[in-house]
PDB file of N, CA and C in Angstrom:
ATOM      1  N   MET A   1      75.406  32.818  11.770  1.00  0.00           N
ATOM      2  CA  MET A   1      75.437  31.476  12.332  1.00  0.00           C
ATOM      3  C   MET A   1      76.395  31.479  13.520  1.00  0.00           C
ATOM      4  N   LYS A   2      75.945  30.873  14.579  1.00  0.00           N
ATOM      5  CA  LYS A   2      76.786  30.785  15.768  1.00  0.00           C
ATOM      6  C   LYS A   2      77.647  29.530  15.677  1.00  0.00           C
ATOM      7  N   SER A   3      78.888  29.669  16.086  1.00  0.00           N
ATOM      8  CA  SER A   3      79.812  28.546  16.030  1.00  0.00           C
ATOM      9  C   SER A   3      79.701  27.721  17.315  1.00  0.00           C
ATOM     10  N   VAL A   4      79.991  26.441  17.199  1.00  0.00           N
ATOM     11  CA  VAL A   4      79.966  25.555  18.357  1.00  0.00           C
ATOM     12  C   VAL A   4      81.288  24.802  18.415  1.00  0.00           C
ATOM     13  N   SER A   5      81.569  24.224  19.547  1.00  0.00           N
ATOM     14  CA  SER A   5      82.798  23.442  19.697  1.00  0.00           C
ATOM     15  C   SER A   5      82.607  22.051  19.078  1.00  0.00           C
ATOM     16  N   GLY A   6      83.728  21.386  18.857  1.00  0.00           N
ATOM     17  CA  GLY A   6      83.663  20.029  18.316  1.00  0.00           C
ATOM     18  C   GLY A   6      82.966  19.077  19.269  1.00  0.00           C
ATOM     19  N   LYS A   7      83.181  19.270  20.576  1.00  0.00           N
ATOM     20  CA  LYS A   7      82.533  18.408  21.569  1.00  0.00           C
ATOM     21  C   LYS A   7      81.017  18.523  21.498  1.00  0.00           C
ATOM     22  N   LYS A   8      80.533  19.768  21.385  1.00  0.00           N
ATOM     23  CA  LYS A   8      79.079  19.984  21.332  1.00  0.00           C
ATOM     24  C   LYS A   8      78.502  19.408  20.051  1.00  0.00           C
ATOM     25  N   LEU A   9      79.205  19.585  18.923  1.00  0.00           N
ATOM     26  CA  LEU A   9      78.719  19.031  17.665  1.00  0.00           C
ATOM     27  C   LEU A   9      78.660  17.506  17.737  1.00  0.00           C
ATOM     28  N   CYS A  10      79.604  16.891  18.430  1.00  0.00           N
ATOM     29  CA  CYS A  10      79.574  15.433  18.608  1.00  0.00           C
ATOM     30  C   CYS A  10      78.299  15.016  19.335  1.00  0.00           C
ATOM     31  N   ARG A  11      77.933  15.733  20.391  1.00  0.00           N
ATOM     32  CA  ARG A  11      76.704  15.405  21.128  1.00  0.00           C
ATOM     33  C   ARG A  11      75.473  15.572  20.239  1.00  0.00           C
ATOM     34  N   ILE A  12      75.464  16.615  19.412  1.00  0.00           N
ATOM     35  CA  ILE A  12      74.308  16.880  18.540  1.00  0.00           C
ATOM     36  C   ILE A  12      74.146  15.769  17.506  1.00  0.00           C
ATOM     37  N   VAL A  13      75.239  15.370  16.845  1.00  0.00           N
ATOM     38  CA  VAL A  13      75.113  14.345  15.807  1.00  0.00           C
ATOM     39  C   VAL A  13      74.770  12.987  16.411  1.00  0.00           C
ATOM     40  N   GLU A  14      75.227  12.720  17.633  1.00  0.00           N
ATOM     41  CA  GLU A  14      74.857  11.465  18.283  1.00  0.00           C
ATOM     42  C   GLU A  14      73.355  11.424  18.556  1.00  0.00           C
ATOM     43  N   GLN A  15      72.768  12.557  18.893  1.00  0.00           N
ATOM     44  CA  GLN A  15      71.317  12.620  19.103  1.00  0.00           C
ATOM     45  C   GLN A  15      70.555  12.409  17.799  1.00  0.00           C
ATOM     46  N   LYS A  16      71.198  12.713  16.669  1.00  0.00           N
ATOM     47  CA  LYS A  16      70.570  12.570  15.354  1.00  0.00           C
ATOM     48  C   LYS A  16      70.805  11.190  14.749  1.00  0.00           C
ATOM     49  N   GLY A  17      71.401  10.282  15.506  1.00  0.00           N
ATOM     50  CA  GLY A  17      71.527   8.904  15.035  1.00  0.00           C
ATOM     51  C   GLY A  17      72.888   8.508  14.494  1.00  0.00           C
ATOM     52  N   TRP A  18      73.868   9.389  14.525  1.00  0.00           N
ATOM     53  CA  TRP A  18      75.212   9.049  14.069  1.00  0.00           C
ATOM     54  C   TRP A  18      75.920   8.252  15.158  1.00  0.00           C
ATOM     55  N   LEU A  19      76.711   7.274  14.754  1.00  0.00           N
ATOM     56  CA  LEU A  19      77.398   6.386  15.691  1.00  0.00           C
ATOM     57  C   LEU A  19      78.909   6.617  15.623  1.00  0.00           C
ATOM     58  N   LEU A  20      79.528   6.777  16.790  1.00  0.00           N
ATOM     59  CA  LEU A  20      80.977   6.952  16.864  1.00  0.00           C
ATOM     60  C   LEU A  20      81.642   5.621  16.535  1.00  0.00           C
ATOM     61  N   LYS A  21      82.446   5.611  15.458  1.00  0.00           N
ATOM     62  CA  LYS A  21      83.125   4.388  15.046  1.00  0.00           C
ATOM     63  C   LYS A  21      84.537   4.304  15.608  1.00  0.00           C
ATOM     64  N   LYS A  22      85.255   5.445  15.595  1.00  0.00           N
ATOM     65  CA  LYS A  22      86.613   5.425  16.131  1.00  0.00           C
ATOM     66  C   LYS A  22      87.067   6.851  16.377  1.00  0.00           C
ATOM     67  N   VAL A  23      88.137   6.966  17.133  1.00  0.00           N
ATOM     68  CA  VAL A  23      88.774   8.258  17.378  1.00  0.00           C
ATOM     69  C   VAL A  23      90.203   8.134  16.877  1.00  0.00           C
ATOM     70  N   THR A  24      90.564   8.983  15.934  1.00  0.00           N
ATOM     71  CA  THR A  24      91.908   8.986  15.372  1.00  0.00           C
ATOM     72  C   THR A  24      92.548  10.320  15.707  1.00  0.00           C
ATOM     73  N   GLY A  25      93.441  10.306  16.651  1.00  0.00           N
ATOM     74  CA  GLY A  25      94.049  11.552  17.103  1.00  0.00           C
ATOM     75  C   GLY A  25      92.992  12.418  17.761  1.00  0.00           C
ATOM     76  N   SER A  26      92.774  13.605  17.202  1.00  0.00           N
ATOM     77  CA  SER A  26      91.777  14.505  17.772  1.00  0.00           C
ATOM     78  C   SER A  26      90.505  14.543  16.932  1.00  0.00           C
ATOM     79  N   HIS A  27      90.337  13.599  16.006  1.00  0.00           N
ATOM     80  CA  HIS A  27      89.161  13.567  15.149  1.00  0.00           C
ATOM     81  C   HIS A  27      88.261  12.393  15.517  1.00  0.00           C
ATOM     82  N   HIS A  28      86.994  12.694  15.724  1.00  0.00           N
ATOM     83  CA  HIS A  28      86.001  11.672  16.021  1.00  0.00           C
ATOM     84  C   HIS A  28      85.310  11.305  14.721  1.00  0.00           C
ATOM     85  N   ILE A  29      85.320  10.022  14.386  1.00  0.00           N
ATOM     86  CA  ILE A  29      84.790   9.535  13.118  1.00  0.00           C
ATOM     87  C   ILE A  29      83.415   8.911  13.367  1.00  0.00           C
ATOM     88  N   TYR A  30      82.398   9.439  12.683  1.00  0.00           N
ATOM     89  CA  TYR A  30      81.021   8.974  12.845  1.00  0.00           C
ATOM     90  C   TYR A  30      80.510   8.380  11.550  1.00  0.00           C
ATOM     91  N   GLN A  31      79.629   7.377  11.691  1.00  0.00           N
ATOM     92  CA  GLN A  31      78.914   6.795  10.558  1.00  0.00           C
ATOM     93  C   GLN A  31      77.450   6.694  10.939  1.00  0.00           C
ATOM     94  N   LYS A  32      76.601   6.683   9.916  1.00  0.00           N
ATOM     95  CA  LYS A  32      75.167   6.530  10.144  1.00  0.00           C
ATOM     96  C   LYS A  32      74.650   5.477   9.180  1.00  0.00           C
ATOM     97  N   PRO A  33      73.878   4.524   9.684  1.00  0.00           N
ATOM     98  CA  PRO A  33      73.318   3.513   8.786  1.00  0.00           C
ATOM     99  C   PRO A  33      72.482   4.172   7.689  1.00  0.00           C
ATOM    100  N   GLY A  34      72.712   3.749   6.456  1.00  0.00           N
ATOM    101  CA  GLY A  34      71.964   4.295   5.331  1.00  0.00           C
ATOM    102  C   GLY A  34      72.603   5.515   4.697  1.00  0.00           C
ATOM    103  N   VAL A  35      73.683   6.026   5.273  1.00  0.00           N
ATOM    104  CA  VAL A  35      74.384   7.181   4.722  1.00  0.00           C
ATOM    105  C   VAL A  35      75.788   6.729   4.329  1.00  0.00           C
ATOM    106  N   SER A  36      76.174   6.972   3.077  1.00  0.00           N
ATOM    107  CA  SER A  36      77.460   6.460   2.600  1.00  0.00           C
ATOM    108  C   SER A  36      78.652   7.292   3.075  1.00  0.00           C
ATOM    109  N   GLN A  37      78.439   8.554   3.425  1.00  0.00           N
ATOM    110  CA  GLN A  37      79.541   9.404   3.852  1.00  0.00           C
ATOM    111  C   GLN A  37      79.833   9.227   5.338  1.00  0.00           C
ATOM    112  N   ILE A  38      81.100   9.529   5.695  1.00  0.00           N
ATOM    113  CA  ILE A  38      81.470   9.540   7.103  1.00  0.00           C
ATOM    114  C   ILE A  38      81.559  10.988   7.553  1.00  0.00           C
ATOM    115  N   LEU A  39      81.561  11.176   8.843  1.00  0.00           N
ATOM    116  CA  LEU A  39      81.639  12.502   9.444  1.00  0.00           C
ATOM    117  C   LEU A  39      82.870  12.515  10.333  1.00  0.00           C
ATOM    118  N   SER A  40      83.833  13.381  10.033  1.00  0.00           N
ATOM    119  CA  SER A  40      85.062  13.480  10.809  1.00  0.00           C
ATOM    120  C   SER A  40      85.061  14.829  11.516  1.00  0.00           C
ATOM    121  N   ILE A  41      84.814  14.809  12.821  1.00  0.00           N
ATOM    122  CA  ILE A  41      84.685  16.043  13.596  1.00  0.00           C
ATOM    123  C   ILE A  41      85.961  16.287  14.391  1.00  0.00           C
ATOM    124  N   PRO A  42      86.645  17.419  14.129  1.00  0.00           N
ATOM    125  CA  PRO A  42      87.836  17.739  14.911  1.00  0.00           C
ATOM    126  C   PRO A  42      87.459  18.225  16.311  1.00  0.00           C
ATOM    127  N   VAL A  43      88.040  17.614  17.322  1.00  0.00           N
ATOM    128  CA  VAL A  43      87.770  18.005  18.711  1.00  0.00           C
ATOM    129  C   VAL A  43      89.095  18.456  19.311  1.00  0.00           C
ATOM    130  N   HIS A  44      89.329  19.764  19.277  1.00  0.00           N
ATOM    131  CA  HIS A  44      90.556  20.351  19.807  1.00  0.00           C
ATOM    132  C   HIS A  44      90.202  21.142  21.051  1.00  0.00           C
ATOM    133  N   ARG A  45      90.486  20.542  22.192  1.00  0.00           N
ATOM    134  CA  ARG A  45      90.123  21.130  23.480  1.00  0.00           C
ATOM    135  C   ARG A  45      88.654  21.538  23.440  1.00  0.00           C
ATOM    136  N   ASN A  46      88.358  22.782  23.762  1.00  0.00           N
ATOM    137  CA  ASN A  46      86.968  23.228  23.721  1.00  0.00           C
ATOM    138  C   ASN A  46      86.837  24.398  22.757  1.00  0.00           C
ATOM    139  N   GLN A  47      87.664  24.401  21.700  1.00  0.00           N
ATOM    140  CA  GLN A  47      87.656  25.490  20.737  1.00  0.00           C
ATOM    141  C   GLN A  47      86.467  25.365  19.801  1.00  0.00           C
ATOM    142  N   ASP A  48      85.917  26.521  19.407  1.00  0.00           N
ATOM    143  CA  ASP A  48      84.836  26.528  18.431  1.00  0.00           C
ATOM    144  C   ASP A  48      85.382  26.136  17.067  1.00  0.00           C
ATOM    145  N   LEU A  49      84.531  25.456  16.292  1.00  0.00           N
ATOM    146  CA  LEU A  49      84.896  25.098  14.928  1.00  0.00           C
ATOM    147  C   LEU A  49      84.823  26.337  14.050  1.00  0.00           C
ATOM    148  N   LYS A  50      85.634  26.374  13.010  1.00  0.00           N
ATOM    149  CA  LYS A  50      85.554  27.467  12.054  1.00  0.00           C
ATOM    150  C   LYS A  50      84.238  27.333  11.289  1.00  0.00           C
ATOM    151  N   ILE A  51      83.704  28.468  10.855  1.00  0.00           N
ATOM    152  CA  ILE A  51      82.379  28.482  10.228  1.00  0.00           C
ATOM    153  C   ILE A  51      82.326  27.595   8.984  1.00  0.00           C
ATOM    154  N   GLY A  52      83.353  27.647   8.134  1.00  0.00           N
ATOM    155  CA  GLY A  52      83.364  26.813   6.925  1.00  0.00           C
ATOM    156  C   GLY A  52      83.363  25.332   7.243  1.00  0.00           C
ATOM    157  N   THR A  53      84.140  24.941   8.242  1.00  0.00           N
ATOM    158  CA  THR A  53      84.188  23.543   8.676  1.00  0.00           C
ATOM    159  C   THR A  53      82.833  23.117   9.226  1.00  0.00           C
ATOM    160  N   LEU A  54      82.247  23.977  10.043  1.00  0.00           N
ATOM    161  CA  LEU A  54      80.949  23.670  10.645  1.00  0.00           C
ATOM    162  C   LEU A  54      79.880  23.506   9.579  1.00  0.00           C
ATOM    163  N   LYS A  55      79.848  24.406   8.589  1.00  0.00           N
ATOM    164  CA  LYS A  55      78.842  24.317   7.525  1.00  0.00           C
ATOM    165  C   LYS A  55      78.991  23.032   6.719  1.00  0.00           C
ATOM    166  N   ALA A  56      80.231  22.659   6.415  1.00  0.00           N
ATOM    167  CA  ALA A  56      80.475  21.435   5.656  1.00  0.00           C
ATOM    168  C   ALA A  56      80.015  20.201   6.442  1.00  0.00           C
ATOM    169  N   LEU A  57      80.322  20.162   7.736  1.00  0.00           N
ATOM    170  CA  LEU A  57      79.901  19.031   8.568  1.00  0.00           C
ATOM    171  C   LEU A  57      78.382  18.981   8.699  1.00  0.00           C
ATOM    172  N   MET A  58      77.760  20.156   8.828  1.00  0.00           N
ATOM    173  CA  MET A  58      76.300  20.202   8.945  1.00  0.00           C
ATOM    174  C   MET A  58      75.635  19.693   7.665  1.00  0.00           C
ATOM    175  N   ARG A  59      76.211  20.036   6.502  1.00  0.00           N
ATOM    176  CA  ARG A  59      75.643  19.589   5.228  1.00  0.00           C
ATOM    177  C   ARG A  59      75.708  18.065   5.124  1.00  0.00           C
ATOM    178  N   ILE A  60      76.835  17.485   5.505  1.00  0.00           N
ATOM    179  CA  ILE A  60      76.985  16.022   5.451  1.00  0.00           C
ATOM    180  C   ILE A  60      76.020  15.354   6.427  1.00  0.00           C
ATOM    181  N   ALA A  61      75.903  15.914   7.634  1.00  0.00           N
ATOM    182  CA  ALA A  61      75.073  15.306   8.683  1.00  0.00           C
ATOM    183  C   ALA A  61      73.589  15.594   8.490  1.00  0.00           C
ATOM    184  N   GLY A  62      73.250  16.523   7.600  1.00  0.00           N
ATOM    185  CA  GLY A  62      71.842  16.865   7.392  1.00  0.00           C
ATOM    186  C   GLY A  62      71.277  17.701   8.521  1.00  0.00           C
ATOM    187  N   LEU A  63      72.110  18.531   9.126  1.00  0.00           N
ATOM    188  CA  LEU A  63      71.670  19.372  10.241  1.00  0.00           C
ATOM    189  C   LEU A  63      71.251  20.758   9.732  1.00  0.00           C
ATOM    190  N   LEU A  64      70.346  21.365  10.458  1.00  0.00           N
ATOM    191  CA  LEU A  64      69.929  22.741  10.197  1.00  0.00           C
ATOM    192  C   LEU A  64      70.525  23.637  11.268  1.00  0.00           C
ATOM    193  N   GLU A  65      70.487  24.932  11.027  1.00  0.00           N
ATOM    194  CA  GLU A  65      71.029  25.869  12.005  1.00  0.00           C
ATOM    195  C   GLU A  65      70.267  25.779  13.329  1.00  0.00           C
ATOM    196  N   ASP A  66      68.973  25.458  13.269  1.00  0.00           N
ATOM    197  CA  ASP A  66      68.170  25.327  14.491  1.00  0.00           C
ATOM    198  C   ASP A  66      68.621  24.152  15.357  1.00  0.00           C
ATOM    199  N   ASP A  67      69.266  23.150  14.751  1.00  0.00           N
ATOM    200  CA  ASP A  67      69.729  21.981  15.501  1.00  0.00           C
ATOM    201  C   ASP A  67      70.882  22.316  16.439  1.00  0.00           C
ATOM    202  N   LEU A  68      71.550  23.451  16.215  1.00  0.00           N
ATOM    203  CA  LEU A  68      72.707  23.821  17.026  1.00  0.00           C
ATOM    204  C   LEU A  68      72.317  24.455  18.343  1.00  0.00           C
ATOM    205  N   GLN A  69      71.053  24.692  18.572  1.00  0.00           N
ATOM    206  CA  GLN A  69      70.600  25.364  19.796  1.00  0.00           C
ATOM    207  C   GLN A  69      70.780  24.463  20.995  1.00  0.00           C
TER     208      GLN A  69
END
C-alpha cells in the first residue's frame, strides 16, 4: 500500500462526501451524514501518514486502496 499525505487524504474524503467540521491544531475533523463516527486526519506539513494510521482512517471512511490513486 502506498502512503499519502494528510492533505491528500483530506481531498479524497471530501470527494467521497465527508464534510470538514473544524480544525483543531493540526487535525482536520470530518463528519458524514448518516455515519456516526468522525474522521480525524492529522495534517503535519506534507508528511505521509503512517501505514497503520492510514489503514484505520480508510476503514472508518469506507475507502479502498484504489481510492488513493
